[in-house]
């Protein structure tokens, strides 16, 4: 008889703790990017990783509207830091590799990450 009361009591405690913990985790404030055109950027700089190293960048622009972007090669020459990226559009990069060949790379917003300088 005591064993059943213990299991009943422990299951009630377990369920109530589970509810409290999941409720606390689910009630965290979520940051959703605004869909307005004039909304501020979520981050100041973003980073785009290249499939291979570039020696120089010819131009960086949005893919569809061909609006130029400001950016520079990182010290390792395998990523590009974008300074005025809106955080939601596809980017087209034209640059030269170490052999002097011209390459054009397109990356969607899924492959562009926020950049934090170390």
N, C-alpha and C. Protein backbone atom coordinates (compact mmCIF):
# COMPACT_ATOMS: atom_id res chain seq x y z
N UNK A 1 0.81 -1.18 0.00
CA UNK A 1 0.00 0.00 0.00
C UNK A 1 0.87 1.27 0.00
N UNK A 2 1.91 1.25 0.81
CA UNK A 2 2.79 2.40 0.86
C UNK A 2 3.49 2.61 -0.46
N UNK A 3 3.80 1.54 -1.15
CA UNK A 3 4.50 1.60 -2.43
C UNK A 3 3.64 2.31 -3.48
N UNK A 4 2.35 2.04 -3.53
CA UNK A 4 1.46 2.69 -4.48
C UNK A 4 1.35 4.18 -4.21
N UNK A 5 1.27 4.56 -2.93
CA UNK A 5 1.21 5.98 -2.59
C UNK A 5 2.49 6.69 -3.00
N UNK A 6 3.61 6.01 -2.80
CA UNK A 6 4.90 6.60 -3.18
C UNK A 6 4.96 6.82 -4.69
N UNK A 7 4.58 5.82 -5.49
CA UNK A 7 4.60 5.97 -6.94
C UNK A 7 3.63 7.04 -7.41
N UNK A 8 2.47 7.10 -6.82
CA UNK A 8 1.49 8.11 -7.18
C UNK A 8 2.05 9.50 -6.86
N UNK A 9 2.63 9.66 -5.69
CA UNK A 9 3.19 10.94 -5.26
C UNK A 9 4.37 11.34 -6.17
N UNK A 10 5.27 10.41 -6.46
CA UNK A 10 6.43 10.72 -7.29
C UNK A 10 6.02 11.03 -8.73
N UNK A 11 5.00 10.37 -9.25
CA UNK A 11 4.56 10.68 -10.61
C UNK A 11 3.92 12.05 -10.69
N UNK A 12 3.18 12.44 -9.65
CA UNK A 12 2.58 13.78 -9.61
C UNK A 12 3.69 14.84 -9.56
N UNK A 13 4.69 14.60 -8.75
CA UNK A 13 5.81 15.54 -8.64
C UNK A 13 6.56 15.62 -9.97
N UNK A 14 6.82 14.49 -10.59
CA UNK A 14 7.52 14.47 -11.87
C UNK A 14 6.73 15.21 -12.94
N UNK A 15 5.46 14.97 -13.05
CA UNK A 15 4.64 15.62 -14.07
C UNK A 15 4.57 17.12 -13.83
N UNK A 16 4.42 17.54 -12.59
CA UNK A 16 4.34 18.98 -12.31
C UNK A 16 5.68 19.65 -12.60
N UNK A 17 6.80 19.02 -12.28
CA UNK A 17 8.11 19.60 -12.60
C UNK A 17 8.31 19.67 -14.11
N UNK A 18 7.88 18.65 -14.84
CA UNK A 18 7.99 18.65 -16.29
C UNK A 18 7.19 19.80 -16.89
N UNK A 19 5.99 20.01 -16.42
CA UNK A 19 5.14 21.10 -16.92
C UNK A 19 5.77 22.45 -16.63
N UNK A 20 6.28 22.62 -15.42
CA UNK A 20 6.91 23.89 -15.06
C UNK A 20 8.14 24.18 -15.91
N UNK A 21 8.97 23.18 -16.11
CA UNK A 21 10.19 23.38 -16.90
C UNK A 21 9.90 23.64 -18.37
N UNK A 22 8.99 22.89 -18.96
CA UNK A 22 8.67 23.12 -20.38
C UNK A 22 7.95 24.43 -20.57
N UNK A 23 7.11 24.82 -19.64
CA UNK A 23 6.43 26.11 -19.74
C UNK A 23 7.43 27.25 -19.69
N UNK A 24 8.42 27.14 -18.84
CA UNK A 24 9.45 28.18 -18.74
C UNK A 24 10.28 28.24 -20.01
N UNK A 25 10.64 27.09 -20.57
CA UNK A 25 11.45 27.06 -21.78
C UNK A 25 10.67 27.58 -22.99
N UNK A 26 9.39 27.31 -23.05
CA UNK A 26 8.59 27.74 -24.19
C UNK A 26 8.18 29.21 -24.10
N UNK A 27 8.26 29.79 -22.93
CA UNK A 27 7.82 31.17 -22.79
C UNK A 27 8.94 32.18 -23.03
N UNK A 28 10.12 31.73 -23.47
CA UNK A 28 11.22 32.63 -23.76
C UNK A 28 10.83 33.55 -24.91
N UNK A 29 11.32 34.77 -24.89
CA UNK A 29 11.02 35.74 -25.93
C UNK A 29 11.77 35.36 -27.20
N UNK A 30 11.05 35.30 -28.31
CA UNK A 30 11.65 34.97 -29.59
C UNK A 30 11.80 36.24 -30.41
N UNK A 31 12.96 36.37 -31.08
CA UNK A 31 13.20 37.52 -31.94
C UNK A 31 12.87 37.09 -33.36
N UNK A 32 11.87 37.72 -33.94
CA UNK A 32 11.49 37.45 -35.32
C UNK A 32 11.90 38.63 -36.18
N UNK A 33 12.59 38.39 -37.29
CA UNK A 33 12.95 39.51 -38.15
C UNK A 33 11.70 40.16 -38.75
N UNK A 34 11.74 41.45 -38.82
CA UNK A 34 10.60 42.20 -39.35
C UNK A 34 10.53 42.04 -40.86
N UNK A 35 9.35 42.03 -41.41
CA UNK A 35 9.17 41.90 -42.85
C UNK A 35 9.05 43.26 -43.54
N UNK A 36 9.20 44.33 -42.78
CA UNK A 36 9.15 45.66 -43.37
C UNK A 36 10.43 45.93 -44.14
N UNK A 37 10.33 46.71 -45.22
CA UNK A 37 11.50 47.02 -46.03
C UNK A 37 12.47 47.94 -45.31
N UNK A 38 11.98 48.83 -44.48
CA UNK A 38 12.83 49.78 -43.78
C UNK A 38 13.23 49.31 -42.39
N UNK A 39 13.07 48.05 -42.09
CA UNK A 39 13.40 47.53 -40.77
C UNK A 39 14.92 47.56 -40.56
N UNK A 40 15.36 47.81 -39.34
CA UNK A 40 16.81 47.84 -39.09
C UNK A 40 17.42 46.44 -39.21
N UNK A 41 18.71 46.40 -39.46
CA UNK A 41 19.41 45.14 -39.57
C UNK A 41 19.50 44.48 -38.21
N UNK A 42 19.45 43.15 -38.19
CA UNK A 42 19.59 42.44 -36.93
C UNK A 42 21.03 42.43 -36.45
N UNK A 43 21.98 42.37 -37.37
CA UNK A 43 23.40 42.39 -37.06
C UNK A 43 24.08 43.43 -37.93
N UNK A 44 25.20 43.95 -37.47
CA UNK A 44 25.91 44.96 -38.26
C UNK A 44 26.65 44.34 -39.43
N UNK A 45 27.24 43.17 -39.22
CA UNK A 45 28.00 42.52 -40.28
C UNK A 45 27.61 41.05 -40.38
N UNK A 46 27.74 40.54 -41.60
CA UNK A 46 27.45 39.13 -41.88
C UNK A 46 28.66 38.51 -42.56
N UNK A 47 28.69 37.18 -42.60
CA UNK A 47 29.82 36.47 -43.16
C UNK A 47 29.34 35.42 -44.15
N UNK A 48 30.04 35.34 -45.26
CA UNK A 48 29.72 34.41 -46.33
C UNK A 48 30.95 33.56 -46.60
N UNK A 49 30.85 32.25 -46.42
CA UNK A 49 32.00 31.36 -46.64
C UNK A 49 32.07 30.96 -48.11
N UNK A 50 33.29 30.97 -48.64
CA UNK A 50 33.52 30.61 -50.02
C UNK A 50 33.89 29.14 -50.12
N UNK A 51 33.65 28.54 -51.29
CA UNK A 51 34.00 27.14 -51.51
C UNK A 51 35.50 26.96 -51.70
N UNK A 52 36.17 28.02 -52.14
CA UNK A 52 37.63 28.03 -52.32
C UNK A 52 38.09 29.47 -52.11
N UNK A 53 39.40 29.63 -51.96
CA UNK A 53 39.92 30.96 -51.65
C UNK A 53 39.89 31.92 -52.83
N UNK A 54 39.62 33.16 -52.55
CA UNK A 54 39.68 34.24 -53.54
C UNK A 54 40.91 35.09 -53.25
N UNK A 55 41.56 35.56 -54.31
CA UNK A 55 42.65 36.51 -54.14
C UNK A 55 42.10 37.92 -54.07
N UNK A 56 41.16 38.23 -54.94
CA UNK A 56 40.52 39.55 -54.95
C UNK A 56 39.03 39.41 -55.23
N UNK A 57 38.29 40.43 -54.86
CA UNK A 57 36.85 40.49 -55.14
C UNK A 57 36.63 41.57 -56.19
N UNK A 58 35.95 41.21 -57.26
CA UNK A 58 35.61 42.18 -58.29
C UNK A 58 34.36 42.98 -57.90
N UNK A 59 33.29 42.25 -57.51
CA UNK A 59 32.07 42.93 -57.06
C UNK A 59 31.22 42.00 -56.21
N UNK A 60 30.44 42.62 -55.32
CA UNK A 60 29.48 41.92 -54.46
C UNK A 60 28.15 42.63 -54.65
N UNK A 61 27.10 41.86 -54.92
CA UNK A 61 25.79 42.47 -55.14
C UNK A 61 24.68 41.49 -54.80
N UNK A 62 23.48 42.05 -54.60
CA UNK A 62 22.30 41.19 -54.45
C UNK A 62 22.03 40.53 -55.78
N UNK A 63 21.59 39.29 -55.76
CA UNK A 63 21.45 38.52 -56.99
C UNK A 63 20.33 39.04 -57.89
N UNK A 64 19.15 39.24 -57.36
CA UNK A 64 18.01 39.60 -58.21
C UNK A 64 17.99 41.08 -58.60
N UNK A 65 18.23 41.95 -57.65
CA UNK A 65 18.11 43.39 -57.94
C UNK A 65 19.43 44.02 -58.34
N UNK A 66 20.54 43.28 -58.24
CA UNK A 66 21.88 43.72 -58.62
C UNK A 66 22.30 45.02 -57.93
N UNK A 67 21.86 45.20 -56.70
CA UNK A 67 22.27 46.35 -55.89
C UNK A 67 23.63 46.02 -55.25
N UNK A 68 24.61 46.91 -55.35
CA UNK A 68 25.93 46.60 -54.80
C UNK A 68 25.93 46.53 -53.27
N UNK A 69 26.82 45.70 -52.76
CA UNK A 69 27.02 45.53 -51.32
C UNK A 69 28.45 45.89 -50.97
N UNK A 70 28.66 46.38 -49.75
CA UNK A 70 30.01 46.62 -49.25
C UNK A 70 30.48 45.37 -48.53
N UNK A 71 31.72 45.00 -48.79
CA UNK A 71 32.28 43.83 -48.12
C UNK A 71 33.76 43.71 -48.42
N UNK A 72 34.42 42.82 -47.70
CA UNK A 72 35.85 42.60 -47.89
C UNK A 72 36.19 41.16 -47.57
N UNK A 73 37.34 40.71 -48.10
CA UNK A 73 37.84 39.37 -47.81
C UNK A 73 38.37 39.33 -46.39
N UNK A 74 38.06 38.25 -45.69
CA UNK A 74 38.61 38.06 -44.36
C UNK A 74 40.09 37.69 -44.49
N UNK A 75 40.81 37.69 -43.40
CA UNK A 75 42.26 37.45 -43.42
C UNK A 75 42.61 36.08 -44.00
N UNK A 76 41.75 35.07 -43.81
CA UNK A 76 42.04 33.73 -44.32
C UNK A 76 41.71 33.57 -45.80
N UNK A 77 41.10 34.57 -46.41
CA UNK A 77 40.75 34.58 -47.84
C UNK A 77 39.74 33.53 -48.25
N UNK A 78 39.03 32.91 -47.30
CA UNK A 78 38.01 31.92 -47.63
C UNK A 78 36.63 32.36 -47.18
N UNK A 79 36.51 33.59 -46.70
CA UNK A 79 35.20 34.13 -46.34
C UNK A 79 35.16 35.62 -46.65
N UNK A 80 33.95 36.11 -46.85
CA UNK A 80 33.73 37.52 -47.15
C UNK A 80 32.86 38.11 -46.05
N UNK A 81 33.23 39.26 -45.54
CA UNK A 81 32.46 39.97 -44.53
C UNK A 81 31.60 41.01 -45.24
N UNK A 82 30.29 40.92 -45.05
CA UNK A 82 29.34 41.84 -45.68
C UNK A 82 28.92 42.89 -44.65
N UNK A 83 29.07 44.16 -44.99
CA UNK A 83 28.83 45.22 -44.02
C UNK A 83 27.41 45.77 -44.03
N UNK A 84 26.74 45.77 -45.14
CA UNK A 84 25.40 46.37 -45.21
C UNK A 84 24.36 45.40 -45.76
N UNK A 85 24.50 44.14 -45.42
CA UNK A 85 23.60 43.09 -45.89
C UNK A 85 22.29 43.16 -45.12
N UNK A 86 21.16 42.95 -45.81
CA UNK A 86 19.84 43.05 -45.16
C UNK A 86 19.45 41.81 -44.38
N UNK A 87 20.18 40.71 -44.51
CA UNK A 87 19.91 39.52 -43.73
C UNK A 87 18.91 38.56 -44.33
N UNK A 88 18.42 38.82 -45.54
CA UNK A 88 17.39 37.94 -46.08
C UNK A 88 17.44 37.72 -47.59
N UNK A 89 18.44 38.22 -48.29
CA UNK A 89 18.47 38.10 -49.75
C UNK A 89 19.66 37.28 -50.22
N UNK A 90 19.54 36.79 -51.45
CA UNK A 90 20.60 36.03 -52.09
C UNK A 90 21.69 36.99 -52.56
N UNK A 91 22.96 36.55 -52.46
CA UNK A 91 24.10 37.41 -52.80
C UNK A 91 24.92 36.76 -53.91
N UNK A 92 25.41 37.61 -54.83
CA UNK A 92 26.26 37.15 -55.93
C UNK A 92 27.63 37.81 -55.77
N UNK A 93 28.69 36.99 -55.77
CA UNK A 93 30.05 37.48 -55.60
C UNK A 93 30.85 37.11 -56.84
N UNK A 94 31.55 38.09 -57.40
CA UNK A 94 32.45 37.86 -58.52
C UNK A 94 33.86 38.18 -58.05
N UNK A 95 34.77 37.22 -58.24
CA UNK A 95 36.14 37.44 -57.78
C UNK A 95 37.12 36.55 -58.51
N UNK A 96 38.40 36.81 -58.26
CA UNK A 96 39.48 36.05 -58.88
C UNK A 96 40.15 35.16 -57.84
N UNK A 97 40.42 33.90 -58.27
CA UNK A 97 41.12 32.98 -57.38
C UNK A 97 42.63 33.23 -57.48
N UNK A 98 43.43 32.41 -56.85
CA UNK A 98 44.88 32.60 -56.82
C UNK A 98 45.55 32.31 -58.15
N UNK A 99 44.84 31.65 -59.07
CA UNK A 99 45.36 31.41 -60.42
C UNK A 99 44.98 32.52 -61.38
N UNK A 100 44.19 33.49 -60.93
CA UNK A 100 43.78 34.61 -61.77
C UNK A 100 42.49 34.36 -62.53
N UNK A 101 41.84 33.21 -62.32
CA UNK A 101 40.60 32.91 -63.02
C UNK A 101 39.43 33.63 -62.35
N UNK A 102 38.50 34.12 -63.16
CA UNK A 102 37.32 34.84 -62.67
C UNK A 102 36.21 33.83 -62.35
N UNK A 103 35.63 33.95 -61.15
CA UNK A 103 34.56 33.06 -60.72
C UNK A 103 33.38 33.88 -60.21
N UNK A 104 32.17 33.35 -60.41
CA UNK A 104 30.96 33.95 -59.88
C UNK A 104 30.28 32.94 -58.96
N UNK A 105 30.03 33.36 -57.73
CA UNK A 105 29.43 32.48 -56.73
C UNK A 105 28.14 33.12 -56.24
N UNK A 106 27.09 32.32 -56.12
CA UNK A 106 25.81 32.79 -55.57
C UNK A 106 25.51 32.02 -54.30
N UNK A 107 25.15 32.75 -53.25
CA UNK A 107 24.83 32.13 -51.96
C UNK A 107 23.49 32.68 -51.47
N UNK A 108 22.63 31.77 -51.03
CA UNK A 108 21.35 32.20 -50.46
C UNK A 108 21.54 32.62 -49.01
N UNK A 109 20.52 33.22 -48.44
CA UNK A 109 20.62 33.72 -47.07
C UNK A 109 20.84 32.60 -46.07
N UNK A 110 20.53 31.37 -46.44
CA UNK A 110 20.76 30.22 -45.54
C UNK A 110 22.24 30.00 -45.27
N UNK A 111 23.09 30.42 -46.21
CA UNK A 111 24.53 30.20 -46.11
C UNK A 111 25.29 31.45 -45.70
N UNK A 112 24.58 32.49 -45.27
CA UNK A 112 25.19 33.74 -44.82
C UNK A 112 24.91 33.89 -43.33
N UNK A 113 25.98 33.96 -42.55
CA UNK A 113 25.87 33.95 -41.10
C UNK A 113 26.22 35.30 -40.49
N UNK A 114 25.71 35.60 -39.30
CA UNK A 114 26.17 36.79 -38.59
C UNK A 114 27.68 36.68 -38.30
N UNK A 115 28.36 37.81 -38.36
CA UNK A 115 29.82 37.83 -38.20
C UNK A 115 30.17 38.53 -36.90
N UNK A 116 30.98 37.85 -36.11
CA UNK A 116 31.50 38.44 -34.89
C UNK A 116 33.02 38.33 -34.96
N UNK A 117 33.69 39.48 -34.95
CA UNK A 117 35.14 39.48 -35.03
C UNK A 117 35.74 39.03 -33.73
N UNK A 118 36.70 38.13 -33.80
CA UNK A 118 37.33 37.60 -32.59
C UNK A 118 38.52 38.44 -32.17
